[in-house]
Amino acid sequence: MNAFTRKRITKAAFGIAASGALIFSLAACSSNSGTATDTSSTSSSSAEPSAASTPAASIADLSNGVDTQVAVDQSFVDAITSLGLTPGVVGTATFTDGTFSFPITGGNVDYYGPDSDVRPYVQGEIDHDGSGLSLTSADGTVVELTDFRIDPGESKLYGTVTANGAVAAEDAYLFNLWGGTLKPIQMEGSNAVLEGTTVHISPDAASLLNQTFKTDAVQDEMLVGVAKITAATE
């Protein structure tokens, strides 16, 4: 552990542009407020896809990668340091020049679009198995957050929580994602790149970390950093 240092693209006519729109939507939470709420999942009523519903675009298999990166905000570094915690990486995660990187290992996404009757209009998940981050206290307590799963419909990130080697929670709600500062999509070859979504500590994670490390300093919605998702569209 290092110290803190049901388809391919379903319609060919959509091509890279449709895939880009899909990846854009999976990262785009509400751009109208400072809260971590996804407009794609907010509606007076929710409609599941019917047998006749056809996504505008789909990526059935995200196992071609590539990664989700988080450039850590200095406020998060300061907060962690003040608690006497040392962050690190787990498994295949890396930390370079202030940025965590978690390889995308699988998942799938269907994009129906804001004009469809389906809500949320982006559905699926993005998996990051075998990687994560750790927090180690001065007394040797180690908490690991691993196997991240992004739910684009909820704009939430889930994962496994381990404390001193024992699983404390599986598929726990760890982070909120807010796309108010999201930059326009860029294509790098066949990869769609989205940068600017901010990552925030969830209320569940804040409570768990405060209990584990016997503090009240970890605040709900504490800013962790800015995400950059690079996803292979073929």
C-alpha atoms as a PDB file:
ATOM      1  CA  MET A   1       0.000   0.000   0.000  1.00  0.00           C
ATOM      2  CA  ASN A   2       1.480   3.353  -1.016  1.00  0.00           C
ATOM      3  CA  ALA A   3       1.378   6.406   1.219  1.00  0.00           C
ATOM      4  CA  PHE A   4      -0.689   9.392   0.125  1.00  0.00           C
ATOM      5  CA  THR A   5       1.879  10.842  -2.119  1.00  0.00           C
ATOM      6  CA  ARG A   6     -27.521  -6.076 -23.707  1.00  0.00           C
ATOM      7  CA  LYS A   7     -25.214  -4.329 -26.360  1.00  0.00           C
ATOM      8  CA  ARG A   8     -22.414  -2.592 -28.086  1.00  0.00           C
ATOM      9  CA  ILE A   9     -23.333   0.801 -29.504  1.00  0.00           C
ATOM     10  CA  THR A  10     -26.866  -0.149 -30.513  1.00  0.00           C
ATOM     11  CA  LYS A  11     -27.212   2.230 -33.441  1.00  0.00           C
ATOM     12  CA  ALA A  12     -24.226   2.742 -35.685  1.00  0.00           C
ATOM     13  CA  ALA A  13     -25.517   6.147 -36.719  1.00  0.00           C
ATOM     14  CA  PHE A  14     -24.894   7.437 -33.208  1.00  0.00           C
ATOM     15  CA  GLY A  15     -21.268   6.291 -33.286  1.00  0.00           C
ATOM     16  CA  ILE A  16     -18.805   8.063 -31.051  1.00  0.00           C
ATOM     17  CA  ALA A  17     -21.106  11.064 -30.607  1.00  0.00           C
ATOM     18  CA  ALA A  18     -23.851   8.964 -29.033  1.00  0.00           C
ATOM     19  CA  SER A  19     -21.360   7.196 -26.818  1.00  0.00           C
ATOM     20  CA  GLY A  20     -19.982  10.549 -25.788  1.00  0.00           C
ATOM     21  CA  ALA A  21     -23.442  11.810 -24.888  1.00  0.00           C
ATOM     22  CA  LEU A  22     -23.982   8.681 -22.834  1.00  0.00           C
ATOM     23  CA  ILE A  23     -20.735   9.032 -20.925  1.00  0.00           C
ATOM     24  CA  PHE A  24     -21.437  12.743 -20.467  1.00  0.00           C
ATOM     25  CA  SER A  25     -24.755  11.963 -18.828  1.00  0.00           C
ATOM     26  CA  LEU A  26     -23.349   9.352 -16.486  1.00  0.00           C
ATOM     27  CA  ALA A  27     -21.152  12.024 -14.915  1.00  0.00           C
ATOM     28  CA  ALA A  28     -23.496  15.004 -15.198  1.00  0.00           C
ATOM     29  CA  CYS A  29     -25.281  15.668 -11.967  1.00  0.00           C
ATOM     30  CA  SER A  30     -27.346  18.788 -11.312  1.00  0.00           C
ATOM     31  CA  SER A  31     -25.722  21.882 -12.766  1.00  0.00           C
ATOM     32  CA  ASN A  32     -28.280  24.185 -11.179  1.00  0.00           C
ATOM     33  CA  SER A  33     -27.253  23.991  -7.526  1.00  0.00           C
ATOM     34  CA  GLY A  34     -24.435  23.150  -5.183  1.00  0.00           C
ATOM     35  CA  THR A  35     -25.969  19.895  -4.084  1.00  0.00           C
ATOM     36  CA  ALA A  36     -25.061  16.467  -5.332  1.00  0.00           C
ATOM     37  CA  THR A  37     -28.321  15.672  -7.084  1.00  0.00           C
ATOM     38  CA  ASP A  38     -28.589  14.174 -10.558  1.00  0.00           C
ATOM     39  CA  THR A  39     -31.195  15.742 -12.834  1.00  0.00           C
ATOM     40  CA  SER A  40     -31.405  12.459 -14.709  1.00  0.00           C
ATOM     41  CA  SER A  41     -32.842  10.760 -11.641  1.00  0.00           C
ATOM     42  CA  THR A  42     -35.013  13.626 -10.369  1.00  0.00           C
ATOM     43  CA  SER A  43     -38.642  13.461 -11.498  1.00  0.00           C
ATOM     44  CA  SER A  44     -42.143  13.682 -10.081  1.00  0.00           C
ATOM     45  CA  SER A  45     -42.604  10.091 -11.202  1.00  0.00           C
ATOM     46  CA  SER A  46     -40.188   7.359 -12.143  1.00  0.00           C
ATOM     47  CA  ALA A  47     -40.644   5.172 -15.203  1.00  0.00           C
ATOM     48  CA  GLU A  48     -38.766   1.932 -15.721  1.00  0.00           C
ATOM     49  CA  PRO A  49     -37.908   0.945 -19.304  1.00  0.00           C
ATOM     50  CA  SER A  50     -40.731  -1.011 -20.937  1.00  0.00           C
ATOM     51  CA  ALA A  51     -40.218  -3.819 -23.409  1.00  0.00           C
ATOM     52  CA  ALA A  52     -40.722  -1.242 -26.173  1.00  0.00           C
ATOM     53  CA  SER A  53     -38.162   1.207 -24.749  1.00  0.00           C
ATOM     54  CA  THR A  54     -35.013   1.379 -26.829  1.00  0.00           C
ATOM     55  CA  PRO A  55     -31.955   3.262 -25.593  1.00  0.00           C
ATOM     56  CA  ALA A  56     -30.616   5.990 -27.847  1.00  0.00           C
ATOM     57  CA  ALA A  57     -27.187   4.520 -27.160  1.00  0.00           C
ATOM     58  CA  SER A  58     -25.721   1.720 -25.080  1.00  0.00           C
ATOM     59  CA  ILE A  59     -22.367   0.456 -23.983  1.00  0.00           C
ATOM     60  CA  ALA A  60     -22.999  -3.134 -22.946  1.00  0.00           C
ATOM     61  CA  ASP A  61     -19.496  -3.824 -21.664  1.00  0.00           C
ATOM     62  CA  LEU A  62     -17.166  -1.305 -20.044  1.00  0.00           C
ATOM     63  CA  SER A  63     -14.474  -3.873 -19.304  1.00  0.00           C
ATOM     64  CA  ASN A  64     -12.186  -2.267 -21.906  1.00  0.00           C
ATOM     65  CA  GLY A  65     -11.547   0.497 -19.365  1.00  0.00           C
ATOM     66  CA  VAL A  66      -9.955   2.806 -18.841  1.00  0.00           C
ATOM     67  CA  ASP A  67     -10.147   4.668 -15.487  1.00  0.00           C
ATOM     68  CA  THR A  68     -11.720   7.152 -13.116  1.00  0.00           C
ATOM     69  CA  GLN A  69      -9.267   9.686 -11.730  1.00  0.00           C
ATOM     70  CA  VAL A  70      -9.783  12.059  -8.817  1.00  0.00           C
ATOM     71  CA  ALA A  71      -7.530  15.087  -8.427  1.00  0.00           C
ATOM     72  CA  VAL A  72      -7.550  15.618  -4.668  1.00  0.00           C
ATOM     73  CA  ASP A  73      -8.580  19.029  -3.379  1.00  0.00           C
ATOM     74  CA  GLN A  74      -6.233  20.710  -0.904  1.00  0.00           C
ATOM     75  CA  SER A  75      -9.089  21.167   1.580  1.00  0.00           C
ATOM     76  CA  PHE A  76      -9.460  17.379   1.751  1.00  0.00           C
ATOM     77  CA  VAL A  77      -5.709  16.961   2.251  1.00  0.00           C
ATOM     78  CA  ASP A  78      -5.791  19.504   5.081  1.00  0.00           C
ATOM     79  CA  ALA A  79      -8.786  17.822   6.738  1.00  0.00           C
ATOM     80  CA  ILE A  80      -7.227  14.366   6.571  1.00  0.00           C
ATOM     81  CA  THR A  81      -3.894  15.654   7.852  1.00  0.00           C
ATOM     82  CA  SER A  82      -5.586  17.410  10.769  1.00  0.00           C
ATOM     83  CA  LEU A  83      -7.068  14.064  11.791  1.00  0.00           C
ATOM     84  CA  GLY A  84      -3.649  12.428  11.789  1.00  0.00           C
ATOM     85  CA  LEU A  85      -4.662  10.110   8.943  1.00  0.00           C
ATOM     86  CA  THR A  86      -2.399   8.849   6.178  1.00  0.00           C
ATOM     87  CA  PRO A  87      -4.170   8.093   2.893  1.00  0.00           C
ATOM     88  CA  GLY A  88      -2.927   5.378   0.570  1.00  0.00           C
ATOM     89  CA  VAL A  89      -3.975   3.209  -2.341  1.00  0.00           C
ATOM     90  CA  VAL A  90      -5.263  -0.357  -2.487  1.00  0.00           C
ATOM     91  CA  GLY A  91      -4.878  -2.983  -5.207  1.00  0.00           C
ATOM     92  CA  THR A  92      -4.545  -1.614  -8.726  1.00  0.00           C
ATOM     93  CA  ALA A  93      -5.209   2.002  -7.718  1.00  0.00           C
ATOM     94  CA  THR A  94      -2.414   4.527  -8.137  1.00  0.00           C
ATOM     95  CA  PHE A  95      -1.635   7.958  -6.738  1.00  0.00           C
ATOM     96  CA  THR A  96       0.532  10.265  -8.829  1.00  0.00           C
ATOM     97  CA  ASP A  97       1.038  14.028  -8.585  1.00  0.00           C
ATOM     98  CA  GLY A  98      -1.997  14.533  -6.364  1.00  0.00           C
ATOM     99  CA  THR A  99      -4.354  12.330  -8.388  1.00  0.00           C
ATOM    100  CA  PHE A 100      -5.890   8.964  -7.547  1.00  0.00           C
ATOM    101  CA  SER A 101      -6.601   6.600 -10.433  1.00  0.00           C
ATOM    102  CA  PHE A 102      -9.018   3.660 -10.256  1.00  0.00           C
ATOM    103  CA  PRO A 103      -9.162   1.361 -13.328  1.00  0.00           C
ATOM    104  CA  ILE A 104     -12.597   0.721 -14.839  1.00  0.00           C
ATOM    105  CA  THR A 105     -13.126  -3.049 -14.856  1.00  0.00           C
ATOM    106  CA  GLY A 106     -16.668  -3.473 -16.121  1.00  0.00           C
ATOM    107  CA  GLY A 107     -20.248  -2.344 -16.099  1.00  0.00           C
ATOM    108  CA  ASN A 108     -22.729  -1.133 -18.686  1.00  0.00           C
ATOM    109  CA  VAL A 109     -24.732   1.979 -19.431  1.00  0.00           C
ATOM    110  CA  ASP A 110     -27.982   2.638 -21.319  1.00  0.00           C
ATOM    111  CA  TYR A 111     -28.805   6.201 -22.389  1.00  0.00           C
ATOM    112  CA  TYR A 112     -32.483   7.004 -23.106  1.00  0.00           C
ATOM    113  CA  GLY A 113     -32.202  10.807 -23.112  1.00  0.00           C
ATOM    114  CA  PRO A 114     -33.965  13.631 -21.265  1.00  0.00           C
ATOM    115  CA  ASP A 115     -36.796  13.705 -23.838  1.00  0.00           C
ATOM    116  CA  SER A 116     -37.714  10.064 -23.235  1.00  0.00           C
ATOM    117  CA  ASP A 117     -40.337   8.803 -20.785  1.00  0.00           C
ATOM    118  CA  VAL A 118     -37.736   6.694 -18.976  1.00  0.00           C
ATOM    119  CA  ARG A 119     -36.410   7.949 -15.638  1.00  0.00           C
ATOM    120  CA  PRO A 120     -33.649   7.984 -14.751  1.00  0.00           C
ATOM    121  CA  TYR A 121     -32.729   8.422 -18.395  1.00  0.00           C
ATOM    122  CA  VAL A 122     -29.173   7.146 -17.797  1.00  0.00           C
ATOM    123  CA  GLN A 123     -29.040   3.663 -16.265  1.00  0.00           C
ATOM    124  CA  GLY A 124     -26.345   1.122 -15.500  1.00  0.00           C
ATOM    125  CA  GLU A 125     -23.134   1.069 -13.513  1.00  0.00           C
ATOM    126  CA  ILE A 126     -19.397   1.581 -13.814  1.00  0.00           C
ATOM    127  CA  ASP A 127     -17.294  -0.915 -11.862  1.00  0.00           C
ATOM    128  CA  HIS A 128     -13.811  -0.500 -10.406  1.00  0.00           C
ATOM    129  CA  ASP A 129     -13.105  -3.913  -8.864  1.00  0.00           C
ATOM    130  CA  GLY A 130      -9.796  -4.608  -7.155  1.00  0.00           C
ATOM    131  CA  SER A 131      -8.812  -1.047  -6.323  1.00  0.00           C
ATOM    132  CA  GLY A 132      -9.526   1.643  -3.785  1.00  0.00           C
ATOM    133  CA  LEU A 133      -8.085   3.954  -1.173  1.00  0.00           C
ATOM    134  CA  SER A 134      -7.097   3.559   2.466  1.00  0.00           C
ATOM    135  CA  LEU A 135      -6.944   5.768   5.548  1.00  0.00           C
ATOM    136  CA  THR A 136      -4.533   4.834   8.339  1.00  0.00           C
ATOM    137  CA  SER A 137      -4.562   6.487  11.745  1.00  0.00           C
ATOM    138  CA  ALA A 138      -1.603   7.033  14.051  1.00  0.00           C
ATOM    139  CA  ASP A 139      -2.748   4.139  16.267  1.00  0.00           C
ATOM    140  CA  GLY A 140      -2.687   1.751  13.301  1.00  0.00           C
ATOM    141  CA  THR A 141      -6.417   1.627  12.504  1.00  0.00           C
ATOM    142  CA  VAL A 142      -6.819   1.069   8.770  1.00  0.00           C
ATOM    143  CA  VAL A 143     -10.002   1.724   6.812  1.00  0.00           C
ATOM    144  CA  GLU A 144     -10.126   0.683   3.154  1.00  0.00           C
ATOM    145  CA  LEU A 145     -12.731   1.854   0.646  1.00  0.00           C
ATOM    146  CA  THR A 146     -12.631  -0.450  -2.383  1.00  0.00           C
ATOM    147  CA  ASP A 147     -14.466  -1.942  -5.374  1.00  0.00           C
ATOM    148  CA  PHE A 148     -16.129   1.311  -6.337  1.00  0.00           C
ATOM    149  CA  ARG A 149     -19.398   1.226  -8.294  1.00  0.00           C
ATOM    150  CA  ILE A 150     -20.747   4.383  -9.892  1.00  0.00           C
ATOM    151  CA  ASP A 151     -24.514   4.535 -10.362  1.00  0.00           C
ATOM    152  CA  PRO A 152     -25.068   7.225 -13.046  1.00  0.00           C
ATOM    153  CA  GLY A 153     -28.824   7.324 -12.452  1.00  0.00           C
ATOM    154  CA  GLU A 154     -28.310   8.257  -8.802  1.00  0.00           C
ATOM    155  CA  SER A 155     -25.033  10.197  -9.206  1.00  0.00           C
ATOM    156  CA  LYS A 156     -23.661   8.164  -6.313  1.00  0.00           C
ATOM    157  CA  LEU A 157     -20.613   6.003  -5.780  1.00  0.00           C
ATOM    158  CA  TYR A 158     -20.803   2.813  -3.723  1.00  0.00           C
ATOM    159  CA  GLY A 159     -18.090   0.502  -2.422  1.00  0.00           C
ATOM    160  CA  THR A 160     -16.862  -1.982   0.156  1.00  0.00           C
ATOM    161  CA  VAL A 161     -15.663  -0.704   3.528  1.00  0.00           C
ATOM    162  CA  THR A 162     -13.056  -2.722   5.421  1.00  0.00           C
ATOM    163  CA  ALA A 163     -11.794  -1.845   8.912  1.00  0.00           C
ATOM    164  CA  ASN A 164      -8.587  -3.541  10.061  1.00  0.00           C
ATOM    165  CA  GLY A 165      -9.141  -6.339   7.562  1.00  0.00           C
ATOM    166  CA  ALA A 166     -12.775  -7.040   8.483  1.00  0.00           C
ATOM    167  CA  VAL A 167     -15.570  -6.096   6.098  1.00  0.00           C
ATOM    168  CA  ALA A 168     -17.700  -3.434   7.760  1.00  0.00           C
ATOM    169  CA  ALA A 169     -20.092  -2.797   4.851  1.00  0.00           C
ATOM    170  CA  GLU A 170     -20.610  -3.944   1.276  1.00  0.00           C
ATOM    171  CA  ASP A 171     -21.986  -1.756  -1.492  1.00  0.00           C
ATOM    172  CA  ALA A 172     -22.021   1.146   0.966  1.00  0.00           C
ATOM    173  CA  TYR A 173     -22.984   4.636  -0.193  1.00  0.00           C
ATOM    174  CA  LEU A 174     -19.629   6.459  -0.073  1.00  0.00           C
ATOM    175  CA  PHE A 175     -19.577   9.521  -2.319  1.00  0.00           C
ATOM    176  CA  ASN A 176     -21.866  11.988  -4.078  1.00  0.00           C
ATOM    177  CA  LEU A 177     -21.057  13.243  -7.576  1.00  0.00           C
ATOM    178  CA  TRP A 178     -21.972  16.761  -8.718  1.00  0.00           C
ATOM    179  CA  GLY A 179     -21.561  17.871 -12.330  1.00  0.00           C
ATOM    180  CA  GLY A 180     -22.079  21.610 -11.944  1.00  0.00           C
ATOM    181  CA  THR A 181     -18.487  22.278 -13.006  1.00  0.00           C
ATOM    182  CA  LEU A 182     -18.382  19.592 -15.696  1.00  0.00           C
ATOM    183  CA  LYS A 183     -16.408  20.516 -18.807  1.00  0.00           C
ATOM    184  CA  PRO A 184     -17.557  19.691 -22.358  1.00  0.00           C
ATOM    185  CA  ILE A 185     -16.874  16.150 -23.447  1.00  0.00           C
ATOM    186  CA  GLN A 186     -13.651  15.418 -25.301  1.00  0.00           C
ATOM    187  CA  MET A 187     -12.806  12.420 -27.443  1.00  0.00           C
ATOM    188  CA  GLU A 188      -9.342  10.880 -27.358  1.00  0.00           C
ATOM    189  CA  GLY A 189      -9.467   8.334 -30.142  1.00  0.00           C
ATOM    190  CA  SER A 190     -12.379   6.063 -29.225  1.00  0.00           C
ATOM    191  CA  ASN A 191     -12.260   7.093 -25.560  1.00  0.00           C
ATOM    192  CA  ALA A 192     -14.777   9.539 -24.113  1.00  0.00           C
ATOM    193  CA  VAL A 193     -13.253  11.870 -21.529  1.00  0.00           C
ATOM    194  CA  LEU A 194     -15.309  13.778 -18.954  1.00  0.00           C
ATOM    195  CA  GLU A 195     -13.625  16.077 -16.459  1.00  0.00           C
ATOM    196  CA  GLY A 196     -14.980  18.424 -13.840  1.00  0.00           C
ATOM    197  CA  THR A 197     -17.466  16.415 -11.775  1.00  0.00           C
ATOM    198  CA  THR A 198     -16.786  17.062  -8.090  1.00  0.00           C
ATOM    199  CA  VAL A 199     -16.686  14.219  -5.576  1.00  0.00           C
ATOM    200  CA  HIS A 200     -18.095  14.676  -2.058  1.00  0.00           C
ATOM    201  CA  ILE A 201     -18.201  12.525   1.082  1.00  0.00           C
ATOM    202  CA  SER A 202     -21.666  11.004   1.571  1.00  0.00           C
ATOM    203  CA  PRO A 203     -23.501  11.297   4.908  1.00  0.00           C
ATOM    204  CA  ASP A 204     -23.140   7.529   5.375  1.00  0.00           C
ATOM    205  CA  ALA A 205     -19.387   7.613   4.829  1.00  0.00           C
ATOM    206  CA  ALA A 206     -18.948  10.666   7.045  1.00  0.00           C
ATOM    207  CA  SER A 207     -20.761   8.931   9.890  1.00  0.00           C
ATOM    208  CA  LEU A 208     -18.797   5.707   9.475  1.00  0.00           C
ATOM    209  CA  LEU A 209     -15.422   7.460   9.366  1.00  0.00           C
ATOM    210  CA  ASN A 210     -16.252   9.615  12.379  1.00  0.00           C
ATOM    211  CA  GLN A 211     -17.251   6.543  14.384  1.00  0.00           C
ATOM    212  CA  THR A 212     -14.181   4.576  13.337  1.00  0.00           C
ATOM    213  CA  PHE A 213     -11.666   7.322  14.004  1.00  0.00           C
ATOM    214  CA  LYS A 214     -13.531   8.743  17.033  1.00  0.00           C
ATOM    215  CA  THR A 215     -13.954  12.240  15.660  1.00  0.00           C
ATOM    216  CA  ASP A 216     -16.629  14.574  14.342  1.00  0.00           C
ATOM    217  CA  ALA A 217     -14.382  16.335  11.844  1.00  0.00           C
ATOM    218  CA  VAL A 218     -15.511  14.445   8.731  1.00  0.00           C
ATOM    219  CA  GLN A 219     -18.388  16.506   7.380  1.00  0.00           C
ATOM    220  CA  ASP A 220     -21.210  15.388   5.111  1.00  0.00           C
ATOM    221  CA  GLU A 221     -20.548  16.690   1.563  1.00  0.00           C
ATOM    222  CA  MET A 222     -16.893  17.412   2.310  1.00  0.00           C
ATOM    223  CA  LEU A 223     -15.178  18.005  -1.032  1.00  0.00           C
ATOM    224  CA  VAL A 224     -12.734  15.251  -1.950  1.00  0.00           C
ATOM    225  CA  GLY A 225     -11.669  16.410  -5.394  1.00  0.00           C
ATOM    226  CA  VAL A 226     -12.479  16.646  -9.074  1.00  0.00           C
ATOM    227  CA  ALA A 227     -13.116  13.544 -11.167  1.00  0.00           C
ATOM    228  CA  LYS A 228     -12.001  12.706 -14.688  1.00  0.00           C
ATOM    229  CA  ILE A 229     -13.674   9.686 -16.250  1.00  0.00           C
ATOM    230  CA  THR A 230     -12.061   8.132 -19.299  1.00  0.00           C
ATOM    231  CA  ALA A 231     -14.172   5.353 -20.788  1.00  0.00           C
ATOM    232  CA  ALA A 232     -13.500   3.185 -23.813  1.00  0.00           C
ATOM    233  CA  THR A 233     -16.533   3.292 -26.108  1.00  0.00           C
ATOM    234  CA  GLU A 234     -15.444   0.298 -28.197  1.00  0.00           C
END
